[in-house]
Amino acid sequence: MHDTSMFLSSITGNVNVDIWQIIRTGHNLSISEFANTGGVSPDIIMEGNVSSTIDWAFQTGKVKIHRQVGFMLTGGHLESENHPVSDSVALVLSTKTGQIDIWAKWIP
């Protein structure tokens, strides 16, 4: 298995990422999004035997969950209802000053 990690960042401005995974790849994907001054906005759609976790932290700002379908919320953690499975996408979101906007959907 070959896993992949990505780090997306901005000093001033927003960091946005759209992920739609419907086919098992046999790999895990880790994505870290960081904005020093600005927002972080992932839009993630998982289908079938692909799971996801989303964790976040911020110093000044707030978290707004715009879409939460098939994900369970516990504190600063979202997890797809089918987690864990062999194919997974893990998001770690952080901002010093800014809002974290989350769109998350898992379709069985």
PDB file of N, CA and C in Angstrom:
ATOM      1  N   MET A   1       0.837  -1.174   0.000  1.00  0.00           N
ATOM      2  CA  MET A   1       0.000   0.000   0.000  1.00  0.00           C
ATOM      3  C   MET A   1       0.886   1.242   0.000  1.00  0.00           C
ATOM      4  N   HIS A   2       0.567   2.189  -0.818  1.00  0.00           N
ATOM      5  CA  HIS A   2       1.314   3.445  -0.913  1.00  0.00           C
ATOM      6  C   HIS A   2       0.381   4.584  -0.502  1.00  0.00           C
ATOM      7  N   ASP A   3       0.639   5.147   0.670  1.00  0.00           N
ATOM      8  CA  ASP A   3      -0.185   6.237   1.166  1.00  0.00           C
ATOM      9  C   ASP A   3       0.369   7.581   0.698  1.00  0.00           C
ATOM     10  N   THR A   4      -0.485   8.591   0.642  1.00  0.00           N
ATOM     11  CA  THR A   4      -0.096   9.914   0.152  1.00  0.00           C
ATOM     12  C   THR A   4      -0.461  10.970   1.183  1.00  0.00           C
ATOM     13  N   SER A   5       0.437  11.941   1.365  1.00  0.00           N
ATOM     14  CA  SER A   5       0.184  13.072   2.256  1.00  0.00           C
ATOM     15  C   SER A   5       0.315  14.366   1.467  1.00  0.00           C
ATOM     16  N   MET A   6      -0.541  15.334   1.795  1.00  0.00           N
ATOM     17  CA  MET A   6      -0.495  16.650   1.160  1.00  0.00           C
ATOM     18  C   MET A   6      -0.583  17.712   2.244  1.00  0.00           C
ATOM     19  N   PHE A   7       0.139  18.820   2.046  1.00  0.00           N
ATOM     20  CA  PHE A   7       0.055  19.952   2.958  1.00  0.00           C
ATOM     21  C   PHE A   7      -0.278  21.181   2.132  1.00  0.00           C
ATOM     22  N   LEU A   8      -1.407  21.827   2.433  1.00  0.00           N
ATOM     23  CA  LEU A   8      -1.854  23.013   1.718  1.00  0.00           C
ATOM     24  C   LEU A   8      -1.867  24.169   2.704  1.00  0.00           C
ATOM     25  N   SER A   9      -1.227  25.297   2.347  1.00  0.00           N
ATOM     26  CA  SER A   9      -1.159  26.392   3.309  1.00  0.00           C
ATOM     27  C   SER A   9      -1.207  27.749   2.633  1.00  0.00           C
ATOM     28  N   SER A  10      -1.545  28.750   3.459  1.00  0.00           N
ATOM     29  CA  SER A  10      -1.577  30.135   3.009  1.00  0.00           C
ATOM     30  C   SER A  10      -1.211  31.025   4.184  1.00  0.00           C
ATOM     31  N   ILE A  11      -0.368  32.032   3.929  1.00  0.00           N
ATOM     32  CA  ILE A  11      -0.047  33.009   4.964  1.00  0.00           C
ATOM     33  C   ILE A  11      -1.225  33.978   5.125  1.00  0.00           C
ATOM     34  N   THR A  12      -1.704  34.530   4.014  1.00  0.00           N
ATOM     35  CA  THR A  12      -2.862  35.424   4.025  1.00  0.00           C
ATOM     36  C   THR A  12      -3.792  34.990   2.906  1.00  0.00           C
ATOM     37  N   GLY A  13      -4.959  34.527   3.263  1.00  0.00           N
ATOM     38  CA  GLY A  13      -5.920  34.070   2.266  1.00  0.00           C
ATOM     39  C   GLY A  13      -6.502  32.730   2.661  1.00  0.00           C
ATOM     40  N   ASN A  14      -7.406  32.248   1.862  1.00  0.00           N
ATOM     41  CA  ASN A  14      -8.121  31.011   2.152  1.00  0.00           C
ATOM     42  C   ASN A  14      -7.460  29.803   1.513  1.00  0.00           C
ATOM     43  N   VAL A  15      -7.688  28.652   2.133  1.00  0.00           N
ATOM     44  CA  VAL A  15      -7.252  27.373   1.577  1.00  0.00           C
ATOM     45  C   VAL A  15      -8.515  26.539   1.367  1.00  0.00           C
ATOM     46  N   ASN A  16      -8.793  26.189   0.115  1.00  0.00           N
ATOM     47  CA  ASN A  16      -9.980  25.424  -0.244  1.00  0.00           C
ATOM     48  C   ASN A  16      -9.558  24.131  -0.929  1.00  0.00           C
ATOM     49  N   VAL A  17     -10.264  23.047  -0.631  1.00  0.00           N
ATOM     50  CA  VAL A  17      -9.990  21.782  -1.313  1.00  0.00           C
ATOM     51  C   VAL A  17     -11.314  21.042  -1.494  1.00  0.00           C
ATOM     52  N   ASP A  18     -11.492  20.459  -2.678  1.00  0.00           N
ATOM     53  CA  ASP A  18     -12.649  19.626  -2.989  1.00  0.00           C
ATOM     54  C   ASP A  18     -12.158  18.206  -3.213  1.00  0.00           C
ATOM     55  N   ILE A  19     -12.776  17.251  -2.523  1.00  0.00           N
ATOM     56  CA  ILE A  19     -12.389  15.840  -2.652  1.00  0.00           C
ATOM     57  C   ILE A  19     -13.647  15.033  -2.899  1.00  0.00           C
ATOM     58  N   TRP A  20     -13.609  14.224  -3.935  1.00  0.00           N
ATOM     59  CA  TRP A  20     -14.713  13.327  -4.228  1.00  0.00           C
ATOM     60  C   TRP A  20     -14.097  11.990  -4.584  1.00  0.00           C
ATOM     61  N   GLN A  21     -14.228  11.011  -3.694  1.00  0.00           N
ATOM     62  CA  GLN A  21     -13.641   9.705  -3.941  1.00  0.00           C
ATOM     63  C   GLN A  21     -14.731   8.661  -3.905  1.00  0.00           C
ATOM     64  N   ILE A  22     -14.898   7.964  -5.033  1.00  0.00           N
ATOM     65  CA  ILE A  22     -15.948   6.951  -5.134  1.00  0.00           C
ATOM     66  C   ILE A  22     -15.375   5.569  -5.430  1.00  0.00           C
ATOM     67  N   ILE A  23     -14.100   5.509  -5.785  1.00  0.00           N
ATOM     68  CA  ILE A  23     -13.463   4.247  -6.148  1.00  0.00           C
ATOM     69  C   ILE A  23     -12.361   3.939  -5.151  1.00  0.00           C
ATOM     70  N   ARG A  24     -12.317   2.707  -4.670  1.00  0.00           N
ATOM     71  CA  ARG A  24     -11.243   2.294  -3.774  1.00  0.00           C
ATOM     72  C   ARG A  24      -9.931   2.272  -4.543  1.00  0.00           C
ATOM     73  N   THR A  25      -8.897   2.805  -3.921  1.00  0.00           N
ATOM     74  CA  THR A  25      -7.585   2.859  -4.563  1.00  0.00           C
ATOM     75  C   THR A  25      -6.558   1.959  -3.888  1.00  0.00           C
ATOM     76  N   GLY A  26      -6.890   1.464  -2.677  1.00  0.00           N
ATOM     77  CA  GLY A  26      -5.922   0.681  -1.923  1.00  0.00           C
ATOM     78  C   GLY A  26      -4.918   1.555  -1.186  1.00  0.00           C
ATOM     79  N   HIS A  27      -5.191   2.856  -1.127  1.00  0.00           N
ATOM     80  CA  HIS A  27      -4.289   3.813  -0.491  1.00  0.00           C
ATOM     81  C   HIS A  27      -5.063   4.708   0.464  1.00  0.00           C
ATOM     82  N   ASN A  28      -4.323   5.280   1.409  1.00  0.00           N
ATOM     83  CA  ASN A  28      -4.875   6.290   2.306  1.00  0.00           C
ATOM     84  C   ASN A  28      -4.333   7.647   1.899  1.00  0.00           C
ATOM     85  N   LEU A  29      -5.120   8.672   2.115  1.00  0.00           N
ATOM     86  CA  LEU A  29      -4.732  10.035   1.790  1.00  0.00           C
ATOM     87  C   LEU A  29      -4.860  10.891   3.038  1.00  0.00           C
ATOM     88  N   SER A  30      -3.796  11.624   3.379  1.00  0.00           N
ATOM     89  CA  SER A  30      -3.816  12.578   4.481  1.00  0.00           C
ATOM     90  C   SER A  30      -3.619  13.971   3.913  1.00  0.00           C
ATOM     91  N   ILE A  31      -4.512  14.886   4.292  1.00  0.00           N
ATOM     92  CA  ILE A  31      -4.421  16.262   3.823  1.00  0.00           C
ATOM     93  C   ILE A  31      -4.445  17.183   5.033  1.00  0.00           C
ATOM     94  N   SER A  32      -3.433  18.035   5.145  1.00  0.00           N
ATOM     95  CA  SER A  32      -3.401  19.073   6.170  1.00  0.00           C
ATOM     96  C   SER A  32      -3.611  20.405   5.489  1.00  0.00           C
ATOM     97  N   GLU A  33      -4.576  21.173   5.986  1.00  0.00           N
ATOM     98  CA  GLU A  33      -4.848  22.512   5.474  1.00  0.00           C
ATOM     99  C   GLU A  33      -4.586  23.514   6.581  1.00  0.00           C
ATOM    100  N   PHE A  34      -3.765  24.528   6.295  1.00  0.00           N
ATOM    101  CA  PHE A  34      -3.450  25.545   7.292  1.00  0.00           C
ATOM    102  C   PHE A  34      -3.529  26.929   6.668  1.00  0.00           C
ATOM    103  N   ALA A  35      -4.191  27.844   7.365  1.00  0.00           N
ATOM    104  CA  ALA A  35      -4.215  29.253   6.965  1.00  0.00           C
ATOM    105  C   ALA A  35      -3.805  30.075   8.175  1.00  0.00           C
ATOM    106  N   ASN A  36      -2.776  30.918   8.013  1.00  0.00           N
ATOM    107  CA  ASN A  36      -2.341  31.788   9.097  1.00  0.00           C
ATOM    108  C   ASN A  36      -3.403  32.851   9.364  1.00  0.00           C
ATOM    109  N   THR A  37      -3.750  33.620   8.340  1.00  0.00           N
ATOM    110  CA  THR A  37      -4.826  34.601   8.417  1.00  0.00           C
ATOM    111  C   THR A  37      -5.740  34.337   7.232  1.00  0.00           C
ATOM    112  N   GLY A  38      -6.852  33.674   7.484  1.00  0.00           N
ATOM    113  CA  GLY A  38      -7.771  33.316   6.415  1.00  0.00           C
ATOM    114  C   GLY A  38      -8.526  32.061   6.785  1.00  0.00           C
ATOM    115  N   GLY A  39      -9.388  31.634   5.904  1.00  0.00           N
ATOM    116  CA  GLY A  39     -10.237  30.486   6.170  1.00  0.00           C
ATOM    117  C   GLY A  39      -9.725  29.201   5.567  1.00  0.00           C
ATOM    118  N   VAL A  40     -10.275  28.112   6.062  1.00  0.00           N
ATOM    119  CA  VAL A  40      -9.987  26.779   5.552  1.00  0.00           C
ATOM    120  C   VAL A  40     -11.324  26.140   5.216  1.00  0.00           C
ATOM    121  N   SER A  41     -11.475  25.660   3.972  1.00  0.00           N
ATOM    122  CA  SER A  41     -12.784  25.165   3.520  1.00  0.00           C
ATOM    123  C   SER A  41     -12.658  23.873   2.715  1.00  0.00           C
ATOM    124  N   PRO A  42     -12.814  22.721   3.367  1.00  0.00           N
ATOM    125  CA  PRO A  42     -12.864  21.477   2.602  1.00  0.00           C
ATOM    126  C   PRO A  42     -14.298  21.110   2.224  1.00  0.00           C
ATOM    127  N   ASP A  43     -14.454  20.557   1.032  1.00  0.00           N
ATOM    128  CA  ASP A  43     -15.724  19.985   0.587  1.00  0.00           C
ATOM    129  C   ASP A  43     -15.406  18.550   0.207  1.00  0.00           C
ATOM    130  N   ILE A  44     -15.892  17.598   1.000  1.00  0.00           N
ATOM    131  CA  ILE A  44     -15.505  16.205   0.823  1.00  0.00           C
ATOM    132  C   ILE A  44     -16.746  15.341   0.629  1.00  0.00           C
ATOM    133  N   ILE A  45     -16.682  14.470  -0.401  1.00  0.00           N
ATOM    134  CA  ILE A  45     -17.737  13.500  -0.669  1.00  0.00           C
ATOM    135  C   ILE A  45     -17.067  12.136  -0.813  1.00  0.00           C
ATOM    136  N   MET A  46     -17.482  11.193   0.023  1.00  0.00           N
ATOM    137  CA  MET A  46     -16.976   9.825  -0.006  1.00  0.00           C
ATOM    138  C   MET A  46     -18.147   8.910  -0.333  1.00  0.00           C
ATOM    139  N   GLU A  47     -17.851   7.842  -1.080  1.00  0.00           N
ATOM    140  CA  GLU A  47     -18.901   6.879  -1.413  1.00  0.00           C
ATOM    141  C   GLU A  47     -18.427   5.462  -1.136  1.00  0.00           C
ATOM    142  N   GLY A  48     -19.347   4.609  -0.703  1.00  0.00           N
ATOM    143  CA  GLY A  48     -19.075   3.189  -0.544  1.00  0.00           C
ATOM    144  C   GLY A  48     -18.021   2.881   0.503  1.00  0.00           C
ATOM    145  N   ASN A  49     -17.041   2.073   0.122  1.00  0.00           N
ATOM    146  CA  ASN A  49     -16.012   1.606   1.051  1.00  0.00           C
ATOM    147  C   ASN A  49     -14.822   2.543   1.144  1.00  0.00           C
ATOM    148  N   VAL A  50     -15.070   3.835   1.130  1.00  0.00           N
ATOM    149  CA  VAL A  50     -14.043   4.842   1.365  1.00  0.00           C
ATOM    150  C   VAL A  50     -14.517   5.649   2.568  1.00  0.00           C
ATOM    151  N   SER A  51     -13.654   5.757   3.586  1.00  0.00           N
ATOM    152  CA  SER A  51     -14.051   6.467   4.801  1.00  0.00           C
ATOM    153  C   SER A  51     -13.251   7.747   4.956  1.00  0.00           C
ATOM    154  N   SER A  52     -13.648   8.546   5.948  1.00  0.00           N
ATOM    155  CA  SER A  52     -12.966   9.817   6.157  1.00  0.00           C
ATOM    156  C   SER A  52     -13.052  10.254   7.614  1.00  0.00           C
ATOM    157  N   THR A  53     -12.016  10.978   8.039  1.00  0.00           N
ATOM    158  CA  THR A  53     -12.033  11.668   9.319  1.00  0.00           C
ATOM    159  C   THR A  53     -11.644  13.119   9.069  1.00  0.00           C
ATOM    160  N   ILE A  54     -12.205  14.011   9.869  1.00  0.00           N
ATOM    161  CA  ILE A  54     -11.885  15.433   9.769  1.00  0.00           C
ATOM    162  C   ILE A  54     -11.664  15.951  11.189  1.00  0.00           C
ATOM    163  N   ASP A  55     -10.483  16.516  11.423  1.00  0.00           N
ATOM    164  CA  ASP A  55     -10.152  17.114  12.718  1.00  0.00           C
ATOM    165  C   ASP A  55      -9.762  18.565  12.497  1.00  0.00           C
ATOM    166  N   TRP A  56     -10.006  19.411  13.503  1.00  0.00           N
ATOM    167  CA  TRP A  56      -9.694  20.828  13.334  1.00  0.00           C
ATOM    168  C   TRP A  56      -9.266  21.470  14.637  1.00  0.00           C
ATOM    169  N   ALA A  57      -8.575  22.614  14.458  1.00  0.00           N
ATOM    170  CA  ALA A  57      -8.149  23.444  15.590  1.00  0.00           C
ATOM    171  C   ALA A  57      -7.998  24.869  15.082  1.00  0.00           C
ATOM    172  N   PHE A  58      -8.240  25.836  15.971  1.00  0.00           N
ATOM    173  CA  PHE A  58      -8.073  27.240  15.604  1.00  0.00           C
ATOM    174  C   PHE A  58      -7.758  28.042  16.854  1.00  0.00           C
ATOM    175  N   GLN A  59      -7.116  29.205  16.649  1.00  0.00           N
ATOM    176  CA  GLN A  59      -6.837  30.096  17.777  1.00  0.00           C
ATOM    177  C   GLN A  59      -7.939  31.144  17.914  1.00  0.00           C
ATOM    178  N   THR A  60      -8.198  31.884  16.837  1.00  0.00           N
ATOM    179  CA  THR A  60      -9.244  32.899  16.826  1.00  0.00           C
ATOM    180  C   THR A  60     -10.116  32.636  15.606  1.00  0.00           C
ATOM    181  N   GLY A  61     -11.382  32.424  15.824  1.00  0.00           N
ATOM    182  CA  GLY A  61     -12.287  32.135  14.714  1.00  0.00           C
ATOM    183  C   GLY A  61     -13.366  31.179  15.170  1.00  0.00           C
ATOM    184  N   LYS A  62     -13.939  30.465  14.210  1.00  0.00           N
ATOM    185  CA  LYS A  62     -14.990  29.506  14.542  1.00  0.00           C
ATOM    186  C   LYS A  62     -15.066  28.439  13.466  1.00  0.00           C
ATOM    187  N   VAL A  63     -15.811  27.405  13.770  1.00  0.00           N
ATOM    188  CA  VAL A  63     -16.055  26.307  12.832  1.00  0.00           C
ATOM    189  C   VAL A  63     -17.525  26.326  12.469  1.00  0.00           C
ATOM    190  N   LYS A  64     -17.806  26.210  11.177  1.00  0.00           N
ATOM    191  CA  LYS A  64     -19.184  26.111  10.710  1.00  0.00           C
ATOM    192  C   LYS A  64     -19.283  24.868   9.825  1.00  0.00           C
ATOM    193  N   ILE A  65     -20.163  23.961  10.218  1.00  0.00           N
ATOM    194  CA  ILE A  65     -20.394  22.755   9.419  1.00  0.00           C
ATOM    195  C   ILE A  65     -21.627  23.006   8.566  1.00  0.00           C
ATOM    196  N   HIS A  66     -21.415  23.163   7.261  1.00  0.00           N
ATOM    197  CA  HIS A  66     -22.497  23.479   6.323  1.00  0.00           C
ATOM    198  C   HIS A  66     -23.254  22.225   5.890  1.00  0.00           C
ATOM    199  N   ARG A  67     -22.518  21.113   5.762  1.00  0.00           N
ATOM    200  CA  ARG A  67     -23.147  19.850   5.350  1.00  0.00           C
ATOM    201  C   ARG A  67     -22.513  18.723   6.164  1.00  0.00           C
ATOM    202  N   GLN A  68     -23.363  17.930   6.804  1.00  0.00           N
ATOM    203  CA  GLN A  68     -22.905  16.787   7.588  1.00  0.00           C
ATOM    204  C   GLN A  68     -23.850  15.634   7.304  1.00  0.00           C
ATOM    205  N   VAL A  69     -23.551  14.863   6.279  1.00  0.00           N
ATOM    206  CA  VAL A  69     -24.381  13.733   5.870  1.00  0.00           C
ATOM    207  C   VAL A  69     -23.534  12.468   5.973  1.00  0.00           C
ATOM    208  N   GLY A  70     -23.962  11.519   6.787  1.00  0.00           N
ATOM    209  CA  GLY A  70     -23.227  10.266   6.945  1.00  0.00           C
ATOM    210  C   GLY A  70     -21.966  10.413   7.774  1.00  0.00           C
ATOM    211  N   PHE A  71     -21.837  11.501   8.510  1.00  0.00           N
ATOM    212  CA  PHE A  71     -20.696  11.750   9.386  1.00  0.00           C
ATOM    213  C   PHE A  71     -21.196  11.959  10.809  1.00  0.00           C
ATOM    214  N   MET A  72     -20.432  11.437  11.781  1.00  0.00           N
ATOM    215  CA  MET A  72     -20.742  11.612  13.195  1.00  0.00           C
ATOM    216  C   MET A  72     -19.809  12.677  13.770  1.00  0.00           C
ATOM    217  N   LEU A  73     -20.361  13.556  14.599  1.00  0.00           N
ATOM    218  CA  LEU A  73     -19.600  14.647  15.200  1.00  0.00           C
ATOM    219  C   LEU A  73     -19.349  14.352  16.675  1.00  0.00           C
ATOM    220  N   THR A  74     -18.072  14.442  17.064  1.00  0.00           N
ATOM    221  CA  THR A  74     -17.681  14.311  18.471  1.00  0.00           C
ATOM    222  C   THR A  74     -16.639  15.376  18.751  1.00  0.00           C
ATOM    223  N   GLY A  75     -17.018  16.426  19.476  1.00  0.00           N
ATOM    224  CA  GLY A  75     -16.070  17.510  19.762  1.00  0.00           C
ATOM    225  C   GLY A  75     -15.558  18.130  18.478  1.00  0.00           C
ATOM    226  N   GLY A  76     -14.248  18.213  18.327  1.00  0.00           N
ATOM    227  CA  GLY A  76     -13.624  18.754  17.119  1.00  0.00           C
ATOM    228  C   GLY A  76     -13.232  17.663  16.147  1.00  0.00           C
ATOM    229  N   HIS A  77     -14.131  16.690  15.960  1.00  0.00           N
ATOM    230  CA  HIS A  77     -13.823  15.531  15.119  1.00  0.00           C
ATOM    231  C   HIS A  77     -15.084  15.069  14.396  1.00  0.00           C
ATOM    232  N   LEU A  78     -14.977  14.917  13.088  1.00  0.00           N
ATOM    233  CA  LEU A  78     -16.024  14.290  12.278  1.00  0.00           C
ATOM    234  C   LEU A  78     -15.478  12.973  11.744  1.00  0.00           C
ATOM    235  N   GLU A  79     -16.351  11.981  11.669  1.00  0.00           N
ATOM    236  CA  GLU A  79     -15.924  10.671  11.186  1.00  0.00           C
ATOM    237  C   GLU A  79     -17.058  10.069  10.365  1.00  0.00           C
ATOM    238  N   SER A  80     -16.751   9.557   9.180  1.00  0.00           N
ATOM    239  CA  SER A  80     -17.799   8.929   8.375  1.00  0.00           C
ATOM    240  C   SER A  80     -18.304   7.692   9.099  1.00  0.00           C
ATOM    241  N   GLU A  81     -19.575   7.365   8.892  1.00  0.00           N
ATOM    242  CA  GLU A  81     -20.219   6.269   9.604  1.00  0.00           C
ATOM    243  C   GLU A  81     -19.571   4.919   9.322  1.00  0.00           C
ATOM    244  N   ASN A  82     -18.840   4.780   8.232  1.00  0.00           N
ATOM    245  CA  ASN A  82     -18.205   3.508   7.887  1.00  0.00           C
ATOM    246  C   ASN A  82     -16.741   3.431   8.319  1.00  0.00           C
ATOM    247  N   HIS A  83     -16.260   4.410   9.053  1.00  0.00           N
ATOM    248  CA  HIS A  83     -14.848   4.439   9.446  1.00  0.00           C
ATOM    249  C   HIS A  83     -14.598   3.443  10.575  1.00  0.00           C
ATOM    250  N   PRO A  84     -13.504   2.683  10.570  1.00  0.00           N
ATOM    251  CA  PRO A  84     -12.443   2.666   9.567  1.00  0.00           C
ATOM    252  C   PRO A  84     -12.644   1.575   8.520  1.00  0.00           C
ATOM    253  N   VAL A  85     -12.222   1.850   7.323  1.00  0.00           N
ATOM    254  CA  VAL A  85     -12.100   0.851   6.259  1.00  0.00           C
ATOM    255  C   VAL A  85     -10.714   1.017   5.656  1.00  0.00           C
ATOM    256  N   SER A  86     -10.347   0.131   4.744  1.00  0.00           N
ATOM    257  CA  SER A  86      -8.962   0.124   4.245  1.00  0.00           C
ATOM    258  C   SER A  86      -8.592   1.366   3.439  1.00  0.00           C
ATOM    259  N   ASP A  87      -9.540   2.010   2.783  1.00  0.00           N
ATOM    260  CA  ASP A  87      -9.274   3.246   2.043  1.00  0.00           C
ATOM    261  C   ASP A  87      -9.846   4.411   2.848  1.00  0.00           C
ATOM    262  N   SER A  88      -8.989   5.357   3.225  1.00  0.00           N
ATOM    263  CA  SER A  88      -9.434   6.438   4.082  1.00  0.00           C
ATOM    264  C   SER A  88      -8.810   7.758   3.673  1.00  0.00           C
ATOM    265  N   VAL A  89      -9.571   8.824   3.872  1.00  0.00           N
ATOM    266  CA  VAL A  89      -9.082  10.186   3.667  1.00  0.00           C
ATOM    267  C   VAL A  89      -9.151  10.882   5.013  1.00  0.00           C
ATOM    268  N   ALA A  90      -8.001  11.383   5.490  1.00  0.00           N
ATOM    269  CA  ALA A  90      -7.936  12.080   6.772  1.00  0.00           C
ATOM    270  C   ALA A  90      -7.607  13.545   6.519  1.00  0.00           C
ATOM    271  N   LEU A  91      -8.445  14.430   7.036  1.00  0.00           N
ATOM    272  CA  LEU A  91      -8.214  15.866   6.912  1.00  0.00           C
ATOM    273  C   LEU A  91      -7.895  16.441   8.286  1.00  0.00           C
ATOM    274  N   VAL A  92      -6.871  17.293   8.328  1.00  0.00           N
ATOM    275  CA  VAL A  92      -6.534  18.038   9.534  1.00  0.00           C
ATOM    276  C   VAL A  92      -6.562  19.512   9.146  1.00  0.00           C
ATOM    277  N   LEU A  93      -7.448  20.282   9.773  1.00  0.00           N
ATOM    278  CA  LEU A  93      -7.686  21.671   9.404  1.00  0.00           C
ATOM    279  C   LEU A  93      -7.252  22.583  10.544  1.00  0.00           C
ATOM    280  N   SER A  94      -6.550  23.661  10.207  1.00  0.00           N
ATOM    281  CA  SER A  94      -6.180  24.611  11.261  1.00  0.00           C
ATOM    282  C   SER A  94      -6.025  26.015  10.691  1.00  0.00           C
ATOM    283  N   THR A  95      -6.332  26.982  11.555  1.00  0.00           N
ATOM    284  CA  THR A  95      -6.156  28.383  11.210  1.00  0.00           C
ATOM    285  C   THR A  95      -5.815  29.154  12.484  1.00  0.00           C
ATOM    286  N   LYS A  96      -4.962  30.161  12.331  1.00  0.00           N
ATOM    287  CA  LYS A  96      -4.670  31.020  13.477  1.00  0.00           C
ATOM    288  C   LYS A  96      -5.784  32.033  13.662  1.00  0.00           C
ATOM    289  N   THR A  97      -6.155  32.714  12.573  1.00  0.00           N
ATOM    290  CA  THR A  97      -7.230  33.703  12.602  1.00  0.00           C
ATOM    291  C   THR A  97      -8.087  33.496  11.366  1.00  0.00           C
ATOM    292  N   GLY A  98      -9.270  32.952  11.550  1.00  0.00           N
ATOM    293  CA  GLY A  98     -10.153  32.721  10.416  1.00  0.00           C
ATOM    294  C   GLY A  98     -11.170  31.645  10.722  1.00  0.00           C
ATOM    295  N   GLN A  99     -12.045  31.427   9.785  1.00  0.00           N
ATOM    296  CA  GLN A  99     -13.131  30.471   9.953  1.00  0.00           C
ATOM    297  C   GLN A  99     -12.798  29.173   9.245  1.00  0.00           C
ATOM    298  N   ILE A 100     -13.270  28.082   9.827  1.00  0.00           N
ATOM    299  CA  ILE A 100     -13.182  26.768   9.191  1.00  0.00           C
ATOM    300  C   ILE A 100     -14.589  26.402   8.748  1.00  0.00           C
ATOM    301  N   ASP A 101     -14.779  26.231   7.447  1.00  0.00           N
ATOM    302  CA  ASP A 101     -16.071  25.871   6.860  1.00  0.00           C
ATOM    303  C   ASP A 101     -15.968  24.453   6.329  1.00  0.00           C
ATOM    304  N   ILE A 102     -16.867  23.580   6.765  1.00  0.00           N
ATOM    305  CA  ILE A 102     -16.784  22.164   6.401  1.00  0.00           C
ATOM    306  C   ILE A 102     -18.061  21.723   5.686  1.00  0.00           C
ATOM    307  N   TRP A 103     -17.861  21.042   4.565  1.00  0.00           N
ATOM    308  CA  TRP A 103     -18.925  20.352   3.846  1.00  0.00           C
ATOM    309  C   TRP A 103     -18.494  18.886   3.797  1.00  0.00           C
ATOM    310  N   ALA A 104     -19.252  17.980   4.420  1.00  0.00           N
ATOM    311  CA  ALA A 104     -18.865  16.571   4.485  1.00  0.00           C
ATOM    312  C   ALA A 104     -20.064  15.683   4.157  1.00  0.00           C
ATOM    313  N   LYS A 105     -19.834  14.695   3.283  1.00  0.00           N
ATOM    314  CA  LYS A 105     -20.910  13.791   2.902  1.00  0.00           C
ATOM    315  C   LYS A 105     -20.330  12.413   2.637  1.00  0.00           C
ATOM    316  N   TRP A 106     -20.944  11.396   3.224  1.00  0.00           N
ATOM    317  CA  TRP A 106     -20.612  10.004   2.920  1.00  0.00           C
ATOM    318  C   TRP A 106     -21.875   9.327   2.432  1.00  0.00           C
ATOM    319  N   ILE A 107     -21.780   8.643   1.293  1.00  0.00           N
ATOM    320  CA  ILE A 107     -22.900   7.959   0.670  1.00  0.00           C
ATOM    321  C   ILE A 107     -22.630   6.459   0.719  1.00  0.00           C
ATOM    322  N   PRO A 108     -23.489   5.673   1.387  1.00  0.00           N
ATOM    323  CA  PRO A 108     -23.250   4.220   1.471  1.00  0.00           C
ATOM    324  C   PRO A 108     -23.242   3.545   0.113  1.00  0.00           C
TER     325      PRO A 108
END
